[in-house]
Amino acid sequence: MSGAPLSGWPLWWRLLLISALWATSFPVVRLITRSMPPFALSFGRGVAAVLVMLGFALATGAFRGVPRGIWRHGMLLGTTNGWLPNCLISVALISMGAAAVALIQSTTPLFVALLAFAFLPAERPGGRTLAGMAVGFAGIAVILGPQALLGGHGLLAGGLVLLGALSYAAGTIYVRLRQPGSPVALSVGQQAGSAVGAGVMTLFFEPAGAFDQPMEVWGAVLWVGVVGSALPLTLYLALAQRARATDAAMTGYLQPGFAALFAAPLLGEWPEPRVWLGGAVVLLGVWLATGRRERGP
């Protein structure tokens, strides 16, 4: 796609909407993992998402004129932005709170910035972007407090989420670099790749009864697949082709605040005053990172 990268309000409302939709998945997945194994959950999530997106794509004619190569892009993104981070984060959510997982995953923009140095010379972050990222991360730390990372389940769960964040960052760089086009068709391919990968993991690592779940669990899986995956991913794939990679990745900074708010009624984790203070700091960091920046790379 051609044209100047998105900035200002057109960028901001997309960041806020995508972040809010994606953030709903953290507390809901944590609830689901109390009953359903993580790989089976990721498979069900992928199947629900691909069925909905396939129906939408057929109804809107999104496949017309799409080059065959887009399926290769979709299947690759099915790993980087699909089954791999979904499974890693589902496992982490078994032992770590939803808001804490969202906090660690918010390191995605840092990984994007690092990868941009190597793969996107024209979008290498300048001083203002790096300062905004640092402020945003500080705000996320304020939201949850030090106990979120120091209490109980330590390095393993945190390491899994960091690997997931790195995987998401690689997918963002790939989309920005290759510009595959057709976000709806690309999302269908991505969700299909995600479902296949998670299905293989389920067959090898989880019991046959993993899918024997009550209807309320399947309803939650459907929510995560459609509202927490398919919709925000499609919007994000479109954004990643129209905005700088580091700007698009700022969704990672906005998600923890939303996740904390959604976790309050679902998990009984009511936000403390520091959540609102930290949220204000996060928004300041996003404004710094995505606002008018210095000329040059």
C-alpha atoms as a PDB file:
ATOM      1  CA  MET A   1       0.000   0.000   0.000  1.00  0.00           C
ATOM      2  CA  SER A   2       1.241   3.471  -0.880  1.00  0.00           C
ATOM      3  CA  GLY A   3       0.919   6.819   0.846  1.00  0.00           C
ATOM      4  CA  ALA A   4       2.282   8.382   3.990  1.00  0.00           C
ATOM      5  CA  PRO A   5       2.102   6.240   7.151  1.00  0.00           C
ATOM      6  CA  LEU A   6      -0.911   6.829   9.393  1.00  0.00           C
ATOM      7  CA  SER A   7      -0.494   9.314  12.238  1.00  0.00           C
ATOM      8  CA  GLY A   8      -2.630  11.416  14.563  1.00  0.00           C
ATOM      9  CA  TRP A   9      -6.272  10.534  15.248  1.00  0.00           C
ATOM     10  CA  PRO A  10      -6.620   8.061  12.313  1.00  0.00           C
ATOM     11  CA  LEU A  11      -3.819   6.075  13.939  1.00  0.00           C
ATOM     12  CA  TRP A  12      -5.020   6.567  17.515  1.00  0.00           C
ATOM     13  CA  TRP A  13      -8.584   5.295  17.164  1.00  0.00           C
ATOM     14  CA  ARG A  14      -7.321   2.172  15.439  1.00  0.00           C
ATOM     15  CA  LEU A  15      -4.779   1.559  18.203  1.00  0.00           C
ATOM     16  CA  LEU A  16      -7.424   1.967  20.912  1.00  0.00           C
ATOM     17  CA  LEU A  17     -10.025  -0.249  19.217  1.00  0.00           C
ATOM     18  CA  ILE A  18      -7.605  -3.052  18.360  1.00  0.00           C
ATOM     19  CA  SER A  19      -6.069  -2.979  21.833  1.00  0.00           C
ATOM     20  CA  ALA A  20      -9.450  -3.124  23.587  1.00  0.00           C
ATOM     21  CA  LEU A  21     -10.655  -6.064  21.484  1.00  0.00           C
ATOM     22  CA  TRP A  22      -7.421  -8.012  21.893  1.00  0.00           C
ATOM     23  CA  ALA A  23      -7.286  -7.315  25.629  1.00  0.00           C
ATOM     24  CA  THR A  24     -10.601  -9.115  26.209  1.00  0.00           C
ATOM     25  CA  SER A  25      -8.828 -12.386  25.431  1.00  0.00           C
ATOM     26  CA  PHE A  26      -6.498 -12.287  28.471  1.00  0.00           C
ATOM     27  CA  PRO A  27      -9.063 -12.683  31.285  1.00  0.00           C
ATOM     28  CA  VAL A  28     -11.324 -14.931  29.191  1.00  0.00           C
ATOM     29  CA  VAL A  29      -8.472 -17.298  28.293  1.00  0.00           C
ATOM     30  CA  ARG A  30      -7.463 -17.404  31.963  1.00  0.00           C
ATOM     31  CA  LEU A  31     -11.003 -18.492  32.813  1.00  0.00           C
ATOM     32  CA  ILE A  32     -11.048 -21.128  30.062  1.00  0.00           C
ATOM     33  CA  THR A  33      -7.712 -22.670  31.102  1.00  0.00           C
ATOM     34  CA  ARG A  34      -9.276 -23.654  34.433  1.00  0.00           C
ATOM     35  CA  SER A  35     -11.155 -26.323  32.485  1.00  0.00           C
ATOM     36  CA  MET A  36      -9.668 -26.694  28.997  1.00  0.00           C
ATOM     37  CA  PRO A  37      -6.033 -27.581  28.189  1.00  0.00           C
ATOM     38  CA  PRO A  38      -4.108 -24.754  26.484  1.00  0.00           C
ATOM     39  CA  PHE A  39      -3.395 -26.395  23.115  1.00  0.00           C
ATOM     40  CA  ALA A  40      -7.011 -27.532  22.702  1.00  0.00           C
ATOM     41  CA  LEU A  41      -8.098 -24.014  23.606  1.00  0.00           C
ATOM     42  CA  SER A  42      -5.806 -22.548  20.952  1.00  0.00           C
ATOM     43  CA  PHE A  43      -7.145 -25.010  18.377  1.00  0.00           C
ATOM     44  CA  GLY A  44     -10.773 -24.177  19.194  1.00  0.00           C
ATOM     45  CA  ARG A  45      -9.933 -20.497  19.118  1.00  0.00           C
ATOM     46  CA  GLY A  46      -8.363 -20.839  15.676  1.00  0.00           C
ATOM     47  CA  VAL A  47     -11.250 -22.895  14.252  1.00  0.00           C
ATOM     48  CA  ALA A  48     -13.857 -20.407  15.501  1.00  0.00           C
ATOM     49  CA  ALA A  49     -11.889 -17.509  14.054  1.00  0.00           C
ATOM     50  CA  VAL A  50     -11.280 -19.088  10.647  1.00  0.00           C
ATOM     51  CA  LEU A  51     -14.931 -20.119  10.205  1.00  0.00           C
ATOM     52  CA  VAL A  52     -16.175 -16.619  10.976  1.00  0.00           C
ATOM     53  CA  MET A  53     -13.539 -14.933   8.815  1.00  0.00           C
ATOM     54  CA  LEU A  54     -14.096 -17.380   5.956  1.00  0.00           C
ATOM     55  CA  GLY A  55     -17.821 -16.650   5.956  1.00  0.00           C
ATOM     56  CA  PHE A  56     -17.158 -12.911   6.031  1.00  0.00           C
ATOM     57  CA  ALA A  57     -14.599 -13.170   3.220  1.00  0.00           C
ATOM     58  CA  LEU A  58     -16.973 -15.165   0.992  1.00  0.00           C
ATOM     59  CA  ALA A  59     -19.867 -12.784   1.689  1.00  0.00           C
ATOM     60  CA  THR A  60     -17.814  -9.691   0.849  1.00  0.00           C
ATOM     61  CA  GLY A  61     -15.866 -11.130  -2.084  1.00  0.00           C
ATOM     62  CA  ALA A  62     -12.552 -10.606  -0.329  1.00  0.00           C
ATOM     63  CA  PHE A  63     -10.923 -13.458  -2.260  1.00  0.00           C
ATOM     64  CA  ARG A  64     -11.476 -11.869  -5.680  1.00  0.00           C
ATOM     65  CA  GLY A  65      -8.212 -10.837  -7.254  1.00  0.00           C
ATOM     66  CA  VAL A  66      -6.129 -12.132  -4.364  1.00  0.00           C
ATOM     67  CA  PRO A  67      -2.795 -13.610  -5.524  1.00  0.00           C
ATOM     68  CA  ARG A  68      -2.132 -17.229  -4.634  1.00  0.00           C
ATOM     69  CA  GLY A  69       0.971 -16.261  -2.723  1.00  0.00           C
ATOM     70  CA  ILE A  70      -1.121 -14.647  -0.008  1.00  0.00           C
ATOM     71  CA  TRP A  71      -1.805 -18.102   1.442  1.00  0.00           C
ATOM     72  CA  ARG A  72       1.913 -18.594   2.060  1.00  0.00           C
ATOM     73  CA  HIS A  73       1.941 -15.308   3.936  1.00  0.00           C
ATOM     74  CA  GLY A  74      -1.132 -16.381   5.897  1.00  0.00           C
ATOM     75  CA  MET A  75       0.296 -19.742   6.893  1.00  0.00           C
ATOM     76  CA  LEU A  76       3.549 -18.148   8.063  1.00  0.00           C
ATOM     77  CA  LEU A  77       1.609 -15.601  10.108  1.00  0.00           C
ATOM     78  CA  GLY A  78      -0.430 -18.507  11.452  1.00  0.00           C
ATOM     79  CA  THR A  79       2.729 -19.429  13.333  1.00  0.00           C
ATOM     80  CA  THR A  80       4.186 -16.021  14.250  1.00  0.00           C
ATOM     81  CA  ASN A  81       0.856 -14.407  15.167  1.00  0.00           C
ATOM     82  CA  GLY A  82      -1.253 -17.507  15.744  1.00  0.00           C
ATOM     83  CA  TRP A  83      -0.775 -20.904  17.304  1.00  0.00           C
ATOM     84  CA  LEU A  84       2.743 -20.338  18.680  1.00  0.00           C
ATOM     85  CA  PRO A  85       2.079 -17.221  20.811  1.00  0.00           C
ATOM     86  CA  ASN A  86      -1.471 -18.416  21.576  1.00  0.00           C
ATOM     87  CA  CYS A  87      -0.176 -21.679  23.027  1.00  0.00           C
ATOM     88  CA  LEU A  88       2.705 -20.030  24.877  1.00  0.00           C
ATOM     89  CA  ILE A  89       0.431 -17.422  26.441  1.00  0.00           C
ATOM     90  CA  SER A  90      -2.292 -19.964  27.277  1.00  0.00           C
ATOM     91  CA  VAL A  91       0.247 -22.028  29.199  1.00  0.00           C
ATOM     92  CA  ALA A  92       1.507 -18.911  31.008  1.00  0.00           C
ATOM     93  CA  LEU A  93      -2.055 -17.921  31.965  1.00  0.00           C
ATOM     94  CA  ILE A  94      -2.489 -21.157  33.900  1.00  0.00           C
ATOM     95  CA  SER A  95      -0.168 -19.843  36.599  1.00  0.00           C
ATOM     96  CA  MET A  96       0.047 -16.081  36.011  1.00  0.00           C
ATOM     97  CA  GLY A  97      -2.646 -13.405  36.199  1.00  0.00           C
ATOM     98  CA  ALA A  98      -4.185 -11.954  33.047  1.00  0.00           C
ATOM     99  CA  ALA A  99      -2.954  -8.416  33.692  1.00  0.00           C
ATOM    100  CA  ALA A 100       0.586  -9.589  34.457  1.00  0.00           C
ATOM    101  CA  VAL A 101       0.692 -11.552  31.198  1.00  0.00           C
ATOM    102  CA  ALA A 102      -0.532  -8.488  29.312  1.00  0.00           C
ATOM    103  CA  LEU A 103       2.218  -6.451  30.974  1.00  0.00           C
ATOM    104  CA  ILE A 104       4.967  -8.802  29.833  1.00  0.00           C
ATOM    105  CA  GLN A 105       3.503  -9.096  26.339  1.00  0.00           C
ATOM    106  CA  SER A 106       3.643  -5.325  26.094  1.00  0.00           C
ATOM    107  CA  THR A 107       7.362  -5.727  25.409  1.00  0.00           C
ATOM    108  CA  THR A 108       6.342  -6.518  21.803  1.00  0.00           C
ATOM    109  CA  PRO A 109       7.054  -2.932  20.612  1.00  0.00           C
ATOM    110  CA  LEU A 110      10.562  -3.197  22.059  1.00  0.00           C
ATOM    111  CA  PHE A 111      11.182  -6.322  19.995  1.00  0.00           C
ATOM    112  CA  VAL A 112       9.680  -4.605  16.943  1.00  0.00           C
ATOM    113  CA  ALA A 113      12.049  -1.667  17.411  1.00  0.00           C
ATOM    114  CA  LEU A 114      15.027  -4.001  17.698  1.00  0.00           C
ATOM    115  CA  LEU A 115      14.027  -5.965  14.593  1.00  0.00           C
ATOM    116  CA  ALA A 116      13.365  -2.720  12.685  1.00  0.00           C
ATOM    117  CA  PHE A 117      17.032  -1.807  13.050  1.00  0.00           C
ATOM    118  CA  ALA A 118      17.913  -4.893  11.028  1.00  0.00           C
ATOM    119  CA  PHE A 119      15.016  -5.215   8.576  1.00  0.00           C
ATOM    120  CA  LEU A 120      13.355  -1.788   8.159  1.00  0.00           C
ATOM    121  CA  PRO A 121      16.111   0.832   7.800  1.00  0.00           C
ATOM    122  CA  ALA A 122      13.619   3.543   6.798  1.00  0.00           C
ATOM    123  CA  GLU A 123      11.640   2.988   9.994  1.00  0.00           C
ATOM    124  CA  ARG A 124      14.406   2.730  12.536  1.00  0.00           C
ATOM    125  CA  PRO A 125      13.088   4.374  15.708  1.00  0.00           C
ATOM    126  CA  GLY A 126      14.502   7.758  16.626  1.00  0.00           C
ATOM    127  CA  GLY A 127      15.018   9.273  20.036  1.00  0.00           C
ATOM    128  CA  ARG A 128      11.383  10.369  20.517  1.00  0.00           C
ATOM    129  CA  THR A 129      10.041   6.906  19.668  1.00  0.00           C
ATOM    130  CA  LEU A 130      12.464   5.212  22.038  1.00  0.00           C
ATOM    131  CA  ALA A 131      11.611   7.705  24.786  1.00  0.00           C
ATOM    132  CA  GLY A 132       7.890   7.089  24.260  1.00  0.00           C
ATOM    133  CA  MET A 133       8.416   3.350  24.485  1.00  0.00           C
ATOM    134  CA  ALA A 134      10.328   3.750  27.734  1.00  0.00           C
ATOM    135  CA  VAL A 135       7.589   5.979  29.197  1.00  0.00           C
ATOM    136  CA  GLY A 136       4.905   3.534  28.080  1.00  0.00           C
ATOM    137  CA  PHE A 137       6.655   0.600  29.685  1.00  0.00           C
ATOM    138  CA  ALA A 138       7.040   2.597  32.899  1.00  0.00           C
ATOM    139  CA  GLY A 139       3.304   3.291  32.830  1.00  0.00           C
ATOM    140  CA  ILE A 140       2.483  -0.391  32.456  1.00  0.00           C
ATOM    141  CA  ALA A 141       4.730  -1.176  35.409  1.00  0.00           C
ATOM    142  CA  VAL A 142       2.810   1.423  37.454  1.00  0.00           C
ATOM    143  CA  ILE A 143      -0.525  -0.182  36.478  1.00  0.00           C
ATOM    144  CA  LEU A 144       0.287  -3.536  38.034  1.00  0.00           C
ATOM    145  CA  GLY A 145       2.997  -2.807  40.584  1.00  0.00           C
ATOM    146  CA  PRO A 146       6.123  -4.871  41.281  1.00  0.00           C
ATOM    147  CA  GLN A 147       4.208  -7.800  42.779  1.00  0.00           C
ATOM    148  CA  ALA A 148       2.818  -8.692  39.342  1.00  0.00           C
ATOM    149  CA  LEU A 149       6.213  -9.951  38.264  1.00  0.00           C
ATOM    150  CA  LEU A 150       7.723 -10.902  41.603  1.00  0.00           C
ATOM    151  CA  GLY A 151       4.937 -12.992  43.098  1.00  0.00           C
ATOM    152  CA  GLY A 152       4.943 -16.698  42.789  1.00  0.00           C
ATOM    153  CA  HIS A 153       5.433 -18.185  39.405  1.00  0.00           C
ATOM    154  CA  GLY A 154       8.527 -16.503  38.158  1.00  0.00           C
ATOM    155  CA  LEU A 155      10.692 -17.032  35.198  1.00  0.00           C
ATOM    156  CA  LEU A 156       9.075 -19.874  33.267  1.00  0.00           C
ATOM    157  CA  ALA A 157       5.686 -18.246  32.657  1.00  0.00           C
ATOM    158  CA  GLY A 158       7.319 -14.877  32.052  1.00  0.00           C
ATOM    159  CA  GLY A 159       9.765 -16.425  29.590  1.00  0.00           C
ATOM    160  CA  LEU A 160       6.921 -18.053  27.661  1.00  0.00           C
ATOM    161  CA  VAL A 161       5.154 -14.708  27.301  1.00  0.00           C
ATOM    162  CA  LEU A 162       8.375 -13.022  26.179  1.00  0.00           C
ATOM    163  CA  LEU A 163       8.768 -15.656  23.459  1.00  0.00           C
ATOM    164  CA  GLY A 164       5.208 -14.952  22.409  1.00  0.00           C
ATOM    165  CA  ALA A 165       5.946 -11.216  22.280  1.00  0.00           C
ATOM    166  CA  LEU A 166       9.004 -11.854  20.098  1.00  0.00           C
ATOM    167  CA  SER A 167       6.876 -13.988  17.775  1.00  0.00           C
ATOM    168  CA  TYR A 168       4.262 -11.229  17.433  1.00  0.00           C
ATOM    169  CA  ALA A 169       7.034  -8.723  16.705  1.00  0.00           C
ATOM    170  CA  ALA A 170       8.456 -10.919  13.949  1.00  0.00           C
ATOM    171  CA  GLY A 171       5.008 -11.107  12.356  1.00  0.00           C
ATOM    172  CA  THR A 172       4.623  -7.317  12.465  1.00  0.00           C
ATOM    173  CA  ILE A 173       7.981  -6.798  10.766  1.00  0.00           C
ATOM    174  CA  TYR A 174       7.121  -9.425   8.143  1.00  0.00           C
ATOM    175  CA  VAL A 175       3.786  -7.789   7.252  1.00  0.00           C
ATOM    176  CA  ARG A 176       5.327  -4.324   7.052  1.00  0.00           C
ATOM    177  CA  LEU A 177       8.222  -5.614   4.959  1.00  0.00           C
ATOM    178  CA  ARG A 178       6.252  -7.792   2.514  1.00  0.00           C
ATOM    179  CA  GLN A 179       3.006  -5.773   2.286  1.00  0.00           C
ATOM    180  CA  PRO A 180       0.908  -8.864   1.396  1.00  0.00           C
ATOM    181  CA  GLY A 181      -2.350  -6.871   0.982  1.00  0.00           C
ATOM    182  CA  SER A 182      -6.000  -7.998   1.419  1.00  0.00           C
ATOM    183  CA  PRO A 183      -6.208  -8.043   5.239  1.00  0.00           C
ATOM    184  CA  VAL A 184      -9.406 -10.147   5.259  1.00  0.00           C
ATOM    185  CA  ALA A 185      -8.010 -12.903   3.012  1.00  0.00           C
ATOM    186  CA  LEU A 186      -4.704 -12.747   4.882  1.00  0.00           C
ATOM    187  CA  SER A 187      -6.540 -13.124   8.192  1.00  0.00           C
ATOM    188  CA  VAL A 188      -8.367 -16.220   6.892  1.00  0.00           C
ATOM    189  CA  GLY A 189      -5.049 -17.809   5.942  1.00  0.00           C
ATOM    190  CA  GLN A 190      -3.481 -16.823   9.244  1.00  0.00           C
ATOM    191  CA  GLN A 191      -6.333 -18.277  11.282  1.00  0.00           C
ATOM    192  CA  ALA A 192      -6.278 -21.483   9.213  1.00  0.00           C
ATOM    193  CA  GLY A 193      -2.547 -21.846   9.811  1.00  0.00           C
ATOM    194  CA  SER A 194      -3.078 -21.174  13.498  1.00  0.00           C
ATOM    195  CA  ALA A 195      -5.793 -23.842  13.780  1.00  0.00           C
ATOM    196  CA  VAL A 196      -3.659 -26.449  11.998  1.00  0.00           C
ATOM    197  CA  GLY A 197      -0.603 -25.772  14.163  1.00  0.00           C
ATOM    198  CA  ALA A 198      -2.562 -25.841  17.416  1.00  0.00           C
ATOM    199  CA  GLY A 199      -4.397 -28.982  16.291  1.00  0.00           C
ATOM    200  CA  VAL A 200      -1.100 -30.806  15.772  1.00  0.00           C
ATOM    201  CA  MET A 201       0.068 -29.739  19.230  1.00  0.00           C
ATOM    202  CA  THR A 202      -3.200 -30.995  20.723  1.00  0.00           C
ATOM    203  CA  LEU A 203      -2.860 -34.425  19.105  1.00  0.00           C
ATOM    204  CA  PHE A 204       0.677 -34.889  20.399  1.00  0.00           C
ATOM    205  CA  PHE A 205       0.515 -33.350  23.854  1.00  0.00           C
ATOM    206  CA  GLU A 206      -3.024 -33.445  25.230  1.00  0.00           C
ATOM    207  CA  PRO A 207      -5.525 -36.186  26.143  1.00  0.00           C
ATOM    208  CA  ALA A 208      -8.387 -37.278  23.891  1.00  0.00           C
ATOM    209  CA  GLY A 209     -10.944 -35.758  26.279  1.00  0.00           C
ATOM    210  CA  ALA A 210      -9.512 -32.248  25.962  1.00  0.00           C
ATOM    211  CA  PHE A 211     -12.522 -31.146  23.920  1.00  0.00           C
ATOM    212  CA  ASP A 212     -15.123 -32.595  26.281  1.00  0.00           C
ATOM    213  CA  GLN A 213     -16.174 -29.247  27.727  1.00  0.00           C
ATOM    214  CA  PRO A 214     -19.488 -27.664  28.839  1.00  0.00           C
ATOM    215  CA  MET A 215     -21.303 -25.208  26.582  1.00  0.00           C
ATOM    216  CA  GLU A 216     -20.248 -22.164  28.600  1.00  0.00           C
ATOM    217  CA  VAL A 217     -16.600 -23.015  27.985  1.00  0.00           C
ATOM    218  CA  TRP A 218     -17.227 -23.335  24.242  1.00  0.00           C
ATOM    219  CA  GLY A 219     -19.067 -20.017  24.327  1.00  0.00           C
ATOM    220  CA  ALA A 220     -15.998 -18.417  25.875  1.00  0.00           C
ATOM    221  CA  VAL A 221     -13.794 -20.076  23.228  1.00  0.00           C
ATOM    222  CA  LEU A 222     -16.059 -18.632  20.519  1.00  0.00           C
ATOM    223  CA  TRP A 223     -15.727 -15.165  22.075  1.00  0.00           C
ATOM    224  CA  VAL A 224     -11.936 -15.413  22.169  1.00  0.00           C
ATOM    225  CA  GLY A 225     -11.809 -16.746  18.613  1.00  0.00           C
ATOM    226  CA  VAL A 226     -13.997 -14.038  17.094  1.00  0.00           C
ATOM    227  CA  VAL A 227     -13.844 -10.925  19.297  1.00  0.00           C
ATOM    228  CA  GLY A 228     -10.417 -11.537  20.854  1.00  0.00           C
ATOM    229  CA  SER A 229      -8.669 -12.906  17.745  1.00  0.00           C
ATOM    230  CA  ALA A 230     -10.246 -12.681  14.286  1.00  0.00           C
ATOM    231  CA  LEU A 231     -11.585  -9.130  14.463  1.00  0.00           C
ATOM    232  CA  PRO A 232      -8.591  -7.388  16.069  1.00  0.00           C
ATOM    233  CA  LEU A 233      -6.131  -9.399  13.973  1.00  0.00           C
ATOM    234  CA  THR A 234      -7.822  -8.377  10.725  1.00  0.00           C
ATOM    235  CA  LEU A 235      -7.789  -4.741  11.811  1.00  0.00           C
ATOM    236  CA  TYR A 236      -4.158  -5.087  12.890  1.00  0.00           C
ATOM    237  CA  LEU A 237      -3.043  -6.625   9.589  1.00  0.00           C
ATOM    238  CA  ALA A 238      -4.577  -3.658   7.797  1.00  0.00           C
ATOM    239  CA  LEU A 239      -2.942  -1.231  10.233  1.00  0.00           C
ATOM    240  CA  ALA A 240       0.484  -2.881   9.943  1.00  0.00           C
ATOM    241  CA  GLN A 241       0.446  -2.186   6.198  1.00  0.00           C
ATOM    242  CA  ARG A 242      -0.507   1.490   6.617  1.00  0.00           C
ATOM    243  CA  ALA A 243       1.422   2.529   9.746  1.00  0.00           C
ATOM    244  CA  ARG A 244       5.049   2.355  10.791  1.00  0.00           C
ATOM    245  CA  ALA A 245       5.876  -0.988  12.379  1.00  0.00           C
ATOM    246  CA  THR A 246       6.731   0.616  15.723  1.00  0.00           C
ATOM    247  CA  ASP A 247       3.457   2.584  15.643  1.00  0.00           C
ATOM    248  CA  ALA A 248       1.328  -0.486  14.933  1.00  0.00           C
ATOM    249  CA  ALA A 249       3.080  -2.373  17.726  1.00  0.00           C
ATOM    250  CA  MET A 250       1.930   0.262  20.223  1.00  0.00           C
ATOM    251  CA  THR A 251      -1.244  -1.832  20.605  1.00  0.00           C
ATOM    252  CA  GLY A 252       0.904  -3.884  22.966  1.00  0.00           C
ATOM    253  CA  TYR A 253       1.301  -0.895  25.295  1.00  0.00           C
ATOM    254  CA  LEU A 254      -2.420  -0.184  25.418  1.00  0.00           C
ATOM    255  CA  GLN A 255      -3.607  -3.733  26.073  1.00  0.00           C
ATOM    256  CA  PRO A 256      -2.580  -4.090  29.767  1.00  0.00           C
ATOM    257  CA  GLY A 257      -4.771  -1.209  30.893  1.00  0.00           C
ATOM    258  CA  PHE A 258      -7.767  -2.649  29.071  1.00  0.00           C
ATOM    259  CA  ALA A 259      -6.939  -6.145  30.325  1.00  0.00           C
ATOM    260  CA  ALA A 260      -6.897  -4.899  33.916  1.00  0.00           C
ATOM    261  CA  LEU A 261     -10.318  -3.300  33.443  1.00  0.00           C
ATOM    262  CA  PHE A 262     -11.830  -6.418  31.862  1.00  0.00           C
ATOM    263  CA  ALA A 263     -10.276  -8.690  34.491  1.00  0.00           C
ATOM    264  CA  ALA A 264     -12.062  -6.772  37.265  1.00  0.00           C
ATOM    265  CA  PRO A 265     -15.574  -8.168  36.701  1.00  0.00           C
ATOM    266  CA  LEU A 266     -14.415 -11.537  35.320  1.00  0.00           C
ATOM    267  CA  LEU A 267     -11.667 -12.398  37.798  1.00  0.00           C
ATOM    268  CA  GLY A 268     -12.444 -10.106  40.728  1.00  0.00           C
ATOM    269  CA  GLU A 269      -9.270  -8.068  40.177  1.00  0.00           C
ATOM    270  CA  TRP A 270     -10.590  -4.556  40.746  1.00  0.00           C
ATOM    271  CA  PRO A 271      -8.338  -1.752  39.466  1.00  0.00           C
ATOM    272  CA  GLU A 272      -6.515   0.292  42.085  1.00  0.00           C
ATOM    273  CA  PRO A 273      -5.776   4.024  41.708  1.00  0.00           C
ATOM    274  CA  ARG A 274      -2.369   3.181  40.259  1.00  0.00           C
ATOM    275  CA  VAL A 275      -4.149   1.585  37.264  1.00  0.00           C
ATOM    276  CA  TRP A 276      -5.589   4.957  36.285  1.00  0.00           C
ATOM    277  CA  LEU A 277      -2.268   6.715  36.919  1.00  0.00           C
ATOM    278  CA  GLY A 278      -0.382   4.105  34.952  1.00  0.00           C
ATOM    279  CA  GLY A 279      -2.923   4.278  32.127  1.00  0.00           C
ATOM    280  CA  ALA A 280      -2.329   8.015  31.814  1.00  0.00           C
ATOM    281  CA  VAL A 281       1.430   7.419  31.660  1.00  0.00           C
ATOM    282  CA  VAL A 282       0.919   4.723  29.002  1.00  0.00           C
ATOM    283  CA  LEU A 283      -1.122   7.092  26.838  1.00  0.00           C
ATOM    284  CA  LEU A 284       1.603   9.716  27.192  1.00  0.00           C
ATOM    285  CA  GLY A 285       4.163   7.160  26.049  1.00  0.00           C
ATOM    286  CA  VAL A 286       2.064   6.153  23.033  1.00  0.00           C
ATOM    287  CA  TRP A 287       1.606   9.833  22.115  1.00  0.00           C
ATOM    288  CA  LEU A 288       5.359  10.399  22.290  1.00  0.00           C
ATOM    289  CA  ALA A 289       6.126   7.302  20.255  1.00  0.00           C
ATOM    290  CA  THR A 290       3.503   7.842  17.556  1.00  0.00           C
ATOM    291  CA  GLY A 291       3.447  11.644  17.270  1.00  0.00           C
ATOM    292  CA  ARG A 292       5.408  13.849  14.892  1.00  0.00           C
ATOM    293  CA  ARG A 293       8.965  12.612  14.802  1.00  0.00           C
ATOM    294  CA  GLU A 294      12.322  13.834  13.645  1.00  0.00           C
ATOM    295  CA  ARG A 295      13.219  13.630   9.974  1.00  0.00           C
ATOM    296  CA  GLY A 296      15.329  10.769   8.751  1.00  0.00           C
ATOM    297  CA  PRO A 297      15.585   7.164   9.879  1.00  0.00           C
END
